[in-house]
Amino acid sequence: MSKKMKSNILLFLTAFIWGSAFVAQKSGMDYIEPFTYNGIRTFIGGLVLIPVIIFFTKKSNRQNHANEKVFDFQKDRMAIIGGVCCGIALFVASSLQQFGVSYTTAGKAGFITTLYVVFVPIISLILRKRVRPIMWLCVVLGAVGLYLLCMTDSSFSLQFGDMLVLLCAVAFAVHIMVIDYFSPKADGVKISCVQFLVSGVLGIFCMFLFENPDLGNILDCWLPILYAGVLSCGVAYTLQVVAQADADPTAASLILCLESVFAAISGAVLLHESMSPRELMGCAVIFAAVIISNLPEKKASADLTNGQ
């Protein structure tokens, strides 16, 4: 099996884990409250990445005959700063998503969340960054898809849960812009580890401040928490990092778009959720917008192998 094929398989697995994690998030609300669930699972995700950092550091030391520390606070200063900034953005985005999932289906939440791809160019324009013309088609398609998915025939207003997930998509777009700023300046895995720990600490703080955590209920929720914390945050992120080392960046982004599809399938199979033909059409339009947004420019097609 070629390296590219192995990478594609790992990326499919990553998309499946991320998509099915919406079911874990939905199921977790049967036991505990949003801040409790989100704080614990993201903090666990940060802890899971610590051994990953140790592994990659030791591997790099062997290859380069070096003796670098796993975490050098002076050298990794930008990773810490970036991780804190990303962690705050992630906390806001994931909290909105978790509250939203409580009021809508896992499938709808998966597709609405992917609209962060559409919001990125809008934020980029505000920041006076170049935006590809094709992205405005994606913005229009995203709006049409959202209308079909969330607006009923009798009402032109978003349902409460859908609105929260839509705000979550905006927050994730901000999160991506923050990552875009810091990722060239520091190690990506270390940034991710710090961001999960920061998001977890903020979530746990809000848990004690606004909720009434019960240890028994938390222990009853062990499976959804571990699935989202260990697999979605820790394992899936690691698989993405490993896979993208040998994957075509465009193919990788397109495969990862399947996250929303897996969310809908998982919701239907495990939670018995269903969608009307109109809602399915909305999902298809949103998915088309996400796919088009990931297509490369013609002039950049020769540079795809250089990575993202």
C-alpha atoms as a PDB file:
ATOM      1  CA  MET A   1       0.000   0.000   0.000  1.00  0.00           C
ATOM      2  CA  SER A   2       1.370   3.413  -0.973  1.00  0.00           C
ATOM      3  CA  LYS A   3       2.022   6.192   1.545  1.00  0.00           C
ATOM      4  CA  LYS A   4      -0.691   8.325  -0.023  1.00  0.00           C
ATOM      5  CA  MET A   5      -3.241   5.528   0.308  1.00  0.00           C
ATOM      6  CA  LYS A   6      -2.315   5.009   3.974  1.00  0.00           C
ATOM      7  CA  SER A   7      -2.612   8.762   4.543  1.00  0.00           C
ATOM      8  CA  ASN A   8      -6.047   8.874   2.917  1.00  0.00           C
ATOM      9  CA  ILE A   9      -7.245   5.992   5.099  1.00  0.00           C
ATOM     10  CA  LEU A  10      -6.020   7.806   8.228  1.00  0.00           C
ATOM     11  CA  LEU A  11      -7.777  10.997   7.091  1.00  0.00           C
ATOM     12  CA  PHE A  12     -11.037   9.091   6.500  1.00  0.00           C
ATOM     13  CA  LEU A  13     -10.708   7.711  10.025  1.00  0.00           C
ATOM     14  CA  THR A  14     -10.084  11.227  11.348  1.00  0.00           C
ATOM     15  CA  ALA A  15     -13.191  12.575   9.604  1.00  0.00           C
ATOM     16  CA  PHE A  16     -15.240   9.652  10.950  1.00  0.00           C
ATOM     17  CA  ILE A  17     -14.068  10.242  14.528  1.00  0.00           C
ATOM     18  CA  TRP A  18     -14.790  13.967  14.333  1.00  0.00           C
ATOM     19  CA  GLY A  19     -18.196  13.405  12.740  1.00  0.00           C
ATOM     20  CA  SER A  20     -19.306  10.673  15.132  1.00  0.00           C
ATOM     21  CA  ALA A  21     -18.132  12.811  18.072  1.00  0.00           C
ATOM     22  CA  PHE A  22     -21.286  14.906  17.536  1.00  0.00           C
ATOM     23  CA  VAL A  23     -23.231  11.859  18.731  1.00  0.00           C
ATOM     24  CA  ALA A  24     -21.013  11.673  21.816  1.00  0.00           C
ATOM     25  CA  GLN A  25     -21.671  15.369  22.468  1.00  0.00           C
ATOM     26  CA  LYS A  26     -25.418  14.874  22.068  1.00  0.00           C
ATOM     27  CA  SER A  27     -25.423  11.749  24.276  1.00  0.00           C
ATOM     28  CA  GLY A  28     -23.344  13.474  26.946  1.00  0.00           C
ATOM     29  CA  MET A  29     -26.150  15.964  27.549  1.00  0.00           C
ATOM     30  CA  ASP A  30     -28.294  13.098  28.893  1.00  0.00           C
ATOM     31  CA  TYR A  31     -25.985  12.954  31.928  1.00  0.00           C
ATOM     32  CA  ILE A  32     -24.267  16.287  32.542  1.00  0.00           C
ATOM     33  CA  GLU A  33     -24.455  19.958  31.618  1.00  0.00           C
ATOM     34  CA  PRO A  34     -22.567  21.613  28.713  1.00  0.00           C
ATOM     35  CA  PHE A  35     -19.711  23.310  30.574  1.00  0.00           C
ATOM     36  CA  THR A  36     -19.087  20.159  32.623  1.00  0.00           C
ATOM     37  CA  TYR A  37     -18.915  17.961  29.529  1.00  0.00           C
ATOM     38  CA  ASN A  38     -16.872  20.385  27.453  1.00  0.00           C
ATOM     39  CA  GLY A  39     -14.415  21.307  30.183  1.00  0.00           C
ATOM     40  CA  ILE A  40     -13.584  17.717  31.128  1.00  0.00           C
ATOM     41  CA  ARG A  41     -13.331  16.351  27.590  1.00  0.00           C
ATOM     42  CA  THR A  42     -11.112  19.160  26.234  1.00  0.00           C
ATOM     43  CA  PHE A  43      -8.832  18.972  29.277  1.00  0.00           C
ATOM     44  CA  ILE A  44      -8.513  15.211  28.708  1.00  0.00           C
ATOM     45  CA  GLY A  45      -7.734  15.965  25.042  1.00  0.00           C
ATOM     46  CA  GLY A  46      -4.836  18.172  26.138  1.00  0.00           C
ATOM     47  CA  LEU A  47      -3.488  15.480  28.472  1.00  0.00           C
ATOM     48  CA  VAL A  48      -3.653  12.891  25.674  1.00  0.00           C
ATOM     49  CA  LEU A  49      -1.460  15.084  23.457  1.00  0.00           C
ATOM     50  CA  ILE A  50       1.348  15.272  26.041  1.00  0.00           C
ATOM     51  CA  PRO A  51       2.665  11.747  25.237  1.00  0.00           C
ATOM     52  CA  VAL A  52       2.317  12.597  21.535  1.00  0.00           C
ATOM     53  CA  ILE A  53       4.605  15.617  22.034  1.00  0.00           C
ATOM     54  CA  ILE A  54       7.080  13.439  23.957  1.00  0.00           C
ATOM     55  CA  PHE A  55       7.059  10.862  21.135  1.00  0.00           C
ATOM     56  CA  PHE A  56       7.665  13.409  18.365  1.00  0.00           C
ATOM     57  CA  THR A  57      10.370  15.163  20.398  1.00  0.00           C
ATOM     58  CA  LYS A  58      12.269  11.916  21.011  1.00  0.00           C
ATOM     59  CA  LYS A  59      11.887  10.968  17.348  1.00  0.00           C
ATOM     60  CA  SER A  60      13.259  14.348  16.267  1.00  0.00           C
ATOM     61  CA  ASN A  61      16.158  14.034  18.726  1.00  0.00           C
ATOM     62  CA  ARG A  62      17.106  10.624  17.280  1.00  0.00           C
ATOM     63  CA  GLN A  63      16.930  11.857  13.698  1.00  0.00           C
ATOM     64  CA  ASN A  64      18.870  15.066  14.333  1.00  0.00           C
ATOM     65  CA  HIS A  65      21.181  13.671  17.036  1.00  0.00           C
ATOM     66  CA  ALA A  66      19.943  16.445  19.318  1.00  0.00           C
ATOM     67  CA  ASN A  67      18.905  16.588  22.952  1.00  0.00           C
ATOM     68  CA  GLU A  68      16.062  19.087  22.991  1.00  0.00           C
ATOM     69  CA  LYS A  69      13.692  19.327  25.932  1.00  0.00           C
ATOM     70  CA  VAL A  70      10.118  18.134  25.468  1.00  0.00           C
ATOM     71  CA  PHE A  71       8.895  21.588  26.465  1.00  0.00           C
ATOM     72  CA  ASP A  72      11.278  24.533  26.639  1.00  0.00           C
ATOM     73  CA  PHE A  73       9.312  27.501  27.995  1.00  0.00           C
ATOM     74  CA  GLN A  74      11.674  30.036  26.452  1.00  0.00           C
ATOM     75  CA  LYS A  75      11.903  28.351  23.052  1.00  0.00           C
ATOM     76  CA  ASP A  76       8.217  27.425  23.034  1.00  0.00           C
ATOM     77  CA  ARG A  77       7.034  30.864  24.141  1.00  0.00           C
ATOM     78  CA  MET A  78       5.024  31.408  20.950  1.00  0.00           C
ATOM     79  CA  ALA A  79       3.446  27.960  21.290  1.00  0.00           C
ATOM     80  CA  ILE A  80       2.264  28.909  24.779  1.00  0.00           C
ATOM     81  CA  ILE A  81       0.965  32.340  23.719  1.00  0.00           C
ATOM     82  CA  GLY A  82      -0.643  30.874  20.608  1.00  0.00           C
ATOM     83  CA  GLY A  83      -2.105  27.993  22.587  1.00  0.00           C
ATOM     84  CA  VAL A  84      -3.671  30.357  25.124  1.00  0.00           C
ATOM     85  CA  CYS A  85      -5.206  32.537  22.380  1.00  0.00           C
ATOM     86  CA  CYS A  86      -6.423  29.487  20.444  1.00  0.00           C
ATOM     87  CA  GLY A  87      -7.709  27.944  23.671  1.00  0.00           C
ATOM     88  CA  ILE A  88      -9.868  30.969  24.453  1.00  0.00           C
ATOM     89  CA  ALA A  89     -11.300  30.933  20.911  1.00  0.00           C
ATOM     90  CA  LEU A  90     -11.825  27.163  21.094  1.00  0.00           C
ATOM     91  CA  PHE A  91     -13.598  27.491  24.454  1.00  0.00           C
ATOM     92  CA  VAL A  92     -16.073  30.006  23.033  1.00  0.00           C
ATOM     93  CA  ALA A  93     -16.669  27.966  19.857  1.00  0.00           C
ATOM     94  CA  SER A  94     -16.971  24.565  21.528  1.00  0.00           C
ATOM     95  CA  SER A  95     -19.210  25.942  24.300  1.00  0.00           C
ATOM     96  CA  LEU A  96     -21.621  27.423  21.749  1.00  0.00           C
ATOM     97  CA  GLN A  97     -21.561  24.118  19.881  1.00  0.00           C
ATOM     98  CA  GLN A  98     -22.191  22.077  23.018  1.00  0.00           C
ATOM     99  CA  PHE A  99     -25.148  24.228  24.088  1.00  0.00           C
ATOM    100  CA  GLY A 100     -26.444  24.157  20.500  1.00  0.00           C
ATOM    101  CA  VAL A 101     -26.243  20.370  20.249  1.00  0.00           C
ATOM    102  CA  SER A 102     -28.531  20.227  23.299  1.00  0.00           C
ATOM    103  CA  TYR A 103     -31.313  21.818  21.234  1.00  0.00           C
ATOM    104  CA  THR A 104     -30.757  20.423  17.737  1.00  0.00           C
ATOM    105  CA  THR A 105     -29.758  17.132  16.104  1.00  0.00           C
ATOM    106  CA  ALA A 106     -26.201  15.861  15.772  1.00  0.00           C
ATOM    107  CA  GLY A 107     -26.572  15.719  11.979  1.00  0.00           C
ATOM    108  CA  LYS A 108     -27.734  19.327  11.604  1.00  0.00           C
ATOM    109  CA  ALA A 109     -25.059  20.509  14.039  1.00  0.00           C
ATOM    110  CA  GLY A 110     -22.382  18.763  11.957  1.00  0.00           C
ATOM    111  CA  PHE A 111     -23.384  20.487   8.724  1.00  0.00           C
ATOM    112  CA  ILE A 112     -23.983  23.929  10.265  1.00  0.00           C
ATOM    113  CA  THR A 113     -20.589  23.790  11.978  1.00  0.00           C
ATOM    114  CA  THR A 114     -18.842  23.234   8.624  1.00  0.00           C
ATOM    115  CA  LEU A 115     -20.031  26.703   7.586  1.00  0.00           C
ATOM    116  CA  TYR A 116     -16.933  28.029   9.368  1.00  0.00           C
ATOM    117  CA  VAL A 117     -15.304  27.490   5.959  1.00  0.00           C
ATOM    118  CA  VAL A 118     -17.696  30.083   4.545  1.00  0.00           C
ATOM    119  CA  PHE A 119     -17.181  32.582   7.371  1.00  0.00           C
ATOM    120  CA  VAL A 120     -13.375  32.542   7.085  1.00  0.00           C
ATOM    121  CA  PRO A 121     -13.298  34.634   3.851  1.00  0.00           C
ATOM    122  CA  ILE A 122     -15.733  37.140   5.359  1.00  0.00           C
ATOM    123  CA  ILE A 123     -13.448  37.615   8.364  1.00  0.00           C
ATOM    124  CA  SER A 124     -10.442  37.719   6.031  1.00  0.00           C
ATOM    125  CA  LEU A 125     -12.056  40.549   4.087  1.00  0.00           C
ATOM    126  CA  ILE A 126     -12.575  42.494   7.331  1.00  0.00           C
ATOM    127  CA  LEU A 127      -8.877  41.954   8.080  1.00  0.00           C
ATOM    128  CA  ARG A 128      -8.076  43.161   4.543  1.00  0.00           C
ATOM    129  CA  LYS A 129      -6.695  39.844   3.394  1.00  0.00           C
ATOM    130  CA  ARG A 130      -7.019  38.546  -0.144  1.00  0.00           C
ATOM    131  CA  VAL A 131     -10.106  36.419  -0.744  1.00  0.00           C
ATOM    132  CA  ARG A 132     -10.526  34.167  -3.788  1.00  0.00           C
ATOM    133  CA  PRO A 133     -13.573  35.197  -5.891  1.00  0.00           C
ATOM    134  CA  ILE A 134     -14.921  31.616  -5.825  1.00  0.00           C
ATOM    135  CA  MET A 135     -15.352  31.934  -2.051  1.00  0.00           C
ATOM    136  CA  TRP A 136     -18.242  34.350  -2.521  1.00  0.00           C
ATOM    137  CA  LEU A 137     -20.087  31.632  -4.433  1.00  0.00           C
ATOM    138  CA  CYS A 138     -19.470  29.428  -1.406  1.00  0.00           C
ATOM    139  CA  VAL A 139     -20.908  32.123   0.870  1.00  0.00           C
ATOM    140  CA  VAL A 140     -24.089  32.245  -1.235  1.00  0.00           C
ATOM    141  CA  LEU A 141     -24.348  28.444  -1.338  1.00  0.00           C
ATOM    142  CA  GLY A 142     -23.795  28.303   2.412  1.00  0.00           C
ATOM    143  CA  ALA A 143     -26.629  30.778   3.013  1.00  0.00           C
ATOM    144  CA  VAL A 144     -28.974  28.834   0.706  1.00  0.00           C
ATOM    145  CA  GLY A 145     -28.050  25.556   2.364  1.00  0.00           C
ATOM    146  CA  LEU A 146     -28.585  27.019   5.828  1.00  0.00           C
ATOM    147  CA  TYR A 147     -32.005  28.296   4.780  1.00  0.00           C
ATOM    148  CA  LEU A 148     -33.068  24.891   3.458  1.00  0.00           C
ATOM    149  CA  LEU A 149     -31.670  23.055   6.474  1.00  0.00           C
ATOM    150  CA  CYS A 150     -32.911  25.277   9.285  1.00  0.00           C
ATOM    151  CA  MET A 151     -35.809  27.445   8.105  1.00  0.00           C
ATOM    152  CA  THR A 152     -39.258  25.895   8.149  1.00  0.00           C
ATOM    153  CA  ASP A 153     -41.971  26.710   5.627  1.00  0.00           C
ATOM    154  CA  SER A 154     -43.935  28.608   8.265  1.00  0.00           C
ATOM    155  CA  SER A 155     -41.104  30.505   9.903  1.00  0.00           C
ATOM    156  CA  PHE A 156     -38.216  32.627   8.698  1.00  0.00           C
ATOM    157  CA  SER A 157     -36.354  32.460  12.019  1.00  0.00           C
ATOM    158  CA  LEU A 158     -33.609  30.094  13.104  1.00  0.00           C
ATOM    159  CA  GLN A 159     -34.356  27.649  15.878  1.00  0.00           C
ATOM    160  CA  PHE A 160     -32.464  28.389  19.112  1.00  0.00           C
ATOM    161  CA  GLY A 161     -30.123  25.396  18.826  1.00  0.00           C
ATOM    162  CA  ASP A 162     -29.373  26.074  15.165  1.00  0.00           C
ATOM    163  CA  MET A 163     -28.581  29.709  15.976  1.00  0.00           C
ATOM    164  CA  LEU A 164     -26.112  28.666  18.678  1.00  0.00           C
ATOM    165  CA  VAL A 165     -24.365  26.254  16.304  1.00  0.00           C
ATOM    166  CA  LEU A 166     -24.266  28.964  13.619  1.00  0.00           C
ATOM    167  CA  LEU A 167     -22.570  31.311  16.119  1.00  0.00           C
ATOM    168  CA  CYS A 168     -20.251  28.415  16.912  1.00  0.00           C
ATOM    169  CA  ALA A 169     -19.313  28.256  13.203  1.00  0.00           C
ATOM    170  CA  VAL A 170     -18.422  31.971  13.322  1.00  0.00           C
ATOM    171  CA  ALA A 171     -16.336  31.361  16.454  1.00  0.00           C
ATOM    172  CA  PHE A 172     -14.561  28.424  14.789  1.00  0.00           C
ATOM    173  CA  ALA A 173     -13.766  30.699  11.835  1.00  0.00           C
ATOM    174  CA  VAL A 174     -12.133  33.133  14.290  1.00  0.00           C
ATOM    175  CA  HIS A 175     -10.338  30.164  15.848  1.00  0.00           C
ATOM    176  CA  ILE A 176      -8.948  29.219  12.431  1.00  0.00           C
ATOM    177  CA  MET A 177      -7.715  32.766  11.836  1.00  0.00           C
ATOM    178  CA  VAL A 178      -5.926  32.705  15.201  1.00  0.00           C
ATOM    179  CA  ILE A 179      -4.346  29.353  14.328  1.00  0.00           C
ATOM    180  CA  ASP A 180      -3.374  30.745  10.926  1.00  0.00           C
ATOM    181  CA  TYR A 181      -1.482  33.538  12.689  1.00  0.00           C
ATOM    182  CA  PHE A 182       0.368  31.407  15.232  1.00  0.00           C
ATOM    183  CA  SER A 183       0.940  28.079  13.427  1.00  0.00           C
ATOM    184  CA  PRO A 184       3.894  29.291  11.284  1.00  0.00           C
ATOM    185  CA  LYS A 185       5.559  30.602  14.445  1.00  0.00           C
ATOM    186  CA  ALA A 186       5.446  27.485  16.646  1.00  0.00           C
ATOM    187  CA  ASP A 187       4.982  23.706  16.787  1.00  0.00           C
ATOM    188  CA  GLY A 188       1.399  22.807  15.846  1.00  0.00           C
ATOM    189  CA  VAL A 189       1.019  19.864  18.230  1.00  0.00           C
ATOM    190  CA  LYS A 190       2.241  21.952  21.181  1.00  0.00           C
ATOM    191  CA  ILE A 191      -0.158  24.770  20.279  1.00  0.00           C
ATOM    192  CA  SER A 192      -2.982  22.246  20.130  1.00  0.00           C
ATOM    193  CA  CYS A 193      -2.023  20.687  23.471  1.00  0.00           C
ATOM    194  CA  VAL A 194      -1.957  24.076  25.203  1.00  0.00           C
ATOM    195  CA  GLN A 195      -5.222  25.167  23.576  1.00  0.00           C
ATOM    196  CA  PHE A 196      -7.050  22.039  24.765  1.00  0.00           C
ATOM    197  CA  LEU A 197      -5.710  22.467  28.313  1.00  0.00           C
ATOM    198  CA  VAL A 198      -6.675  26.169  28.362  1.00  0.00           C
ATOM    199  CA  SER A 199     -10.139  25.446  26.950  1.00  0.00           C
ATOM    200  CA  GLY A 200     -10.555  22.671  29.495  1.00  0.00           C
ATOM    201  CA  VAL A 201      -9.552  24.868  32.430  1.00  0.00           C
ATOM    202  CA  LEU A 202     -11.997  27.593  31.303  1.00  0.00           C
ATOM    203  CA  GLY A 203     -14.753  25.014  30.905  1.00  0.00           C
ATOM    204  CA  ILE A 204     -14.115  23.499  34.343  1.00  0.00           C
ATOM    205  CA  PHE A 205     -14.091  26.997  35.889  1.00  0.00           C
ATOM    206  CA  CYS A 206     -17.473  27.746  34.293  1.00  0.00           C
ATOM    207  CA  MET A 207     -18.665  24.308  35.400  1.00  0.00           C
ATOM    208  CA  PHE A 208     -18.177  25.237  39.068  1.00  0.00           C
ATOM    209  CA  LEU A 209     -19.398  28.804  38.519  1.00  0.00           C
ATOM    210  CA  PHE A 210     -22.621  28.180  36.566  1.00  0.00           C
ATOM    211  CA  GLU A 211     -23.471  24.487  36.960  1.00  0.00           C
ATOM    212  CA  ASN A 212     -23.866  21.865  39.663  1.00  0.00           C
ATOM    213  CA  PRO A 213     -21.456  19.063  38.713  1.00  0.00           C
ATOM    214  CA  ASP A 214     -22.258  15.654  40.163  1.00  0.00           C
ATOM    215  CA  LEU A 215     -19.455  13.077  40.283  1.00  0.00           C
ATOM    216  CA  GLY A 216     -21.877  10.196  39.838  1.00  0.00           C
ATOM    217  CA  ASN A 217     -23.354  11.715  36.669  1.00  0.00           C
ATOM    218  CA  ILE A 218     -19.865  12.481  35.340  1.00  0.00           C
ATOM    219  CA  LEU A 219     -18.826   8.841  35.882  1.00  0.00           C
ATOM    220  CA  ASP A 220     -22.030   7.667  34.166  1.00  0.00           C
ATOM    221  CA  CYS A 221     -20.999   9.836  31.193  1.00  0.00           C
ATOM    222  CA  TRP A 222     -17.527   8.255  30.931  1.00  0.00           C
ATOM    223  CA  LEU A 223     -17.987   6.857  27.410  1.00  0.00           C
ATOM    224  CA  PRO A 224     -19.117  10.077  25.631  1.00  0.00           C
ATOM    225  CA  ILE A 225     -16.467  12.067  27.548  1.00  0.00           C
ATOM    226  CA  LEU A 226     -13.616   9.697  26.703  1.00  0.00           C
ATOM    227  CA  TYR A 227     -14.728   9.313  23.099  1.00  0.00           C
ATOM    228  CA  ALA A 228     -14.772  13.064  22.525  1.00  0.00           C
ATOM    229  CA  GLY A 229     -11.724  13.750  24.706  1.00  0.00           C
ATOM    230  CA  VAL A 230      -9.367  10.906  23.841  1.00  0.00           C
ATOM    231  CA  LEU A 231     -10.442  10.048  20.293  1.00  0.00           C
ATOM    232  CA  SER A 232     -11.788  13.355  18.910  1.00  0.00           C
ATOM    233  CA  CYS A 233      -9.261  15.710  20.539  1.00  0.00           C
ATOM    234  CA  GLY A 234      -6.191  13.522  21.034  1.00  0.00           C
ATOM    235  CA  VAL A 235      -6.173  10.586  18.611  1.00  0.00           C
ATOM    236  CA  ALA A 236      -7.900  12.246  15.643  1.00  0.00           C
ATOM    237  CA  TYR A 237      -5.660  15.315  15.785  1.00  0.00           C
ATOM    238  CA  THR A 238      -2.580  13.074  15.908  1.00  0.00           C
ATOM    239  CA  LEU A 239      -3.853  11.028  12.955  1.00  0.00           C
ATOM    240  CA  GLN A 240      -4.355  14.251  10.992  1.00  0.00           C
ATOM    241  CA  VAL A 241      -0.800  15.423  11.710  1.00  0.00           C
ATOM    242  CA  VAL A 242       0.696  12.038  10.750  1.00  0.00           C
ATOM    243  CA  ALA A 243      -1.486  11.604   7.660  1.00  0.00           C
ATOM    244  CA  GLN A 244      -0.930  15.072   6.209  1.00  0.00           C
ATOM    245  CA  ALA A 245       2.823  14.494   6.152  1.00  0.00           C
ATOM    246  CA  ASP A 246       2.354  12.283   3.063  1.00  0.00           C
ATOM    247  CA  ALA A 247      -1.052  13.415   1.787  1.00  0.00           C
ATOM    248  CA  ASP A 248      -1.947  15.809  -0.984  1.00  0.00           C
ATOM    249  CA  PRO A 249      -3.216  18.902   0.900  1.00  0.00           C
ATOM    250  CA  THR A 250      -6.241  19.374  -1.353  1.00  0.00           C
ATOM    251  CA  ALA A 251      -7.227  15.717  -1.088  1.00  0.00           C
ATOM    252  CA  ALA A 252      -6.730  15.911   2.676  1.00  0.00           C
ATOM    253  CA  SER A 253      -9.027  18.914   3.068  1.00  0.00           C
ATOM    254  CA  LEU A 254     -11.699  17.311   0.883  1.00  0.00           C
ATOM    255  CA  ILE A 255     -11.597  14.054   2.859  1.00  0.00           C
ATOM    256  CA  LEU A 256     -11.855  15.939   6.145  1.00  0.00           C
ATOM    257  CA  CYS A 257     -14.988  17.651   4.786  1.00  0.00           C
ATOM    258  CA  LEU A 258     -16.697  14.275   5.201  1.00  0.00           C
ATOM    259  CA  GLU A 259     -16.888  15.052   8.919  1.00  0.00           C
ATOM    260  CA  SER A 260     -20.350  16.554   8.403  1.00  0.00           C
ATOM    261  CA  VAL A 261     -21.531  13.518   6.423  1.00  0.00           C
ATOM    262  CA  PHE A 262     -20.338  11.140   9.134  1.00  0.00           C
ATOM    263  CA  ALA A 263     -22.113  13.315  11.730  1.00  0.00           C
ATOM    264  CA  ALA A 264     -25.413  12.893   9.877  1.00  0.00           C
ATOM    265  CA  ILE A 265     -24.899   9.151   9.356  1.00  0.00           C
ATOM    266  CA  SER A 266     -23.901   8.588  12.993  1.00  0.00           C
ATOM    267  CA  GLY A 267     -26.885  10.591  14.205  1.00  0.00           C
ATOM    268  CA  ALA A 268     -29.240   8.537  12.031  1.00  0.00           C
ATOM    269  CA  VAL A 269     -27.769   5.153  13.013  1.00  0.00           C
ATOM    270  CA  LEU A 270     -27.069   5.690  16.720  1.00  0.00           C
ATOM    271  CA  LEU A 271     -29.644   8.314  17.720  1.00  0.00           C
ATOM    272  CA  HIS A 272     -32.320   7.464  15.116  1.00  0.00           C
ATOM    273  CA  GLU A 273     -32.361  11.050  13.859  1.00  0.00           C
ATOM    274  CA  SER A 274     -33.972  11.792  10.528  1.00  0.00           C
ATOM    275  CA  MET A 275     -34.154  14.687   8.091  1.00  0.00           C
ATOM    276  CA  SER A 276     -36.836  15.822   5.684  1.00  0.00           C
ATOM    277  CA  PRO A 277     -36.056  15.974   1.928  1.00  0.00           C
ATOM    278  CA  ARG A 278     -35.768  19.766   2.286  1.00  0.00           C
ATOM    279  CA  GLU A 279     -33.213  19.421   5.114  1.00  0.00           C
ATOM    280  CA  LEU A 280     -31.247  16.818   3.148  1.00  0.00           C
ATOM    281  CA  MET A 281     -31.128  19.239   0.213  1.00  0.00           C
ATOM    282  CA  GLY A 282     -29.776  21.900   2.557  1.00  0.00           C
ATOM    283  CA  CYS A 283     -27.069  19.475   3.730  1.00  0.00           C
ATOM    284  CA  ALA A 284     -26.135  18.750   0.118  1.00  0.00           C
ATOM    285  CA  VAL A 285     -25.851  22.475  -0.733  1.00  0.00           C
ATOM    286  CA  ILE A 286     -23.722  23.182   2.362  1.00  0.00           C
ATOM    287  CA  PHE A 287     -21.501  20.203   1.552  1.00  0.00           C
ATOM    288  CA  ALA A 288     -21.096  21.505  -2.020  1.00  0.00           C
ATOM    289  CA  ALA A 289     -20.059  24.912  -0.643  1.00  0.00           C
ATOM    290  CA  VAL A 290     -17.450  23.270   1.593  1.00  0.00           C
ATOM    291  CA  ILE A 291     -16.094  21.131  -1.263  1.00  0.00           C
ATOM    292  CA  ILE A 292     -15.835  24.099  -3.662  1.00  0.00           C
ATOM    293  CA  SER A 293     -14.109  26.191  -1.000  1.00  0.00           C
ATOM    294  CA  ASN A 294     -11.366  23.569  -0.758  1.00  0.00           C
ATOM    295  CA  LEU A 295     -10.665  23.361  -4.482  1.00  0.00           C
ATOM    296  CA  PRO A 296      -7.288  24.886  -5.412  1.00  0.00           C
ATOM    297  CA  GLU A 297      -6.782  27.860  -7.673  1.00  0.00           C
ATOM    298  CA  LYS A 298      -5.483  27.018 -11.143  1.00  0.00           C
ATOM    299  CA  LYS A 299      -2.293  28.982 -10.669  1.00  0.00           C
ATOM    300  CA  ALA A 300      -1.663  27.161  -7.389  1.00  0.00           C
ATOM    301  CA  SER A 301      -2.229  23.678  -8.774  1.00  0.00           C
ATOM    302  CA  ALA A 302       1.461  23.193  -9.489  1.00  0.00           C
ATOM    303  CA  ASP A 303       2.318  23.948  -5.859  1.00  0.00           C
ATOM    304  CA  LEU A 304      -0.040  21.506  -4.158  1.00  0.00           C
ATOM    305  CA  THR A 305       2.738  19.166  -3.127  1.00  0.00           C
ATOM    306  CA  ASN A 306       4.353  21.934  -1.075  1.00  0.00           C
ATOM    307  CA  GLY A 307       1.776  21.498   1.682  1.00  0.00           C
ATOM    308  CA  GLN A 308      -0.678  23.861   3.322  1.00  0.00           C
END
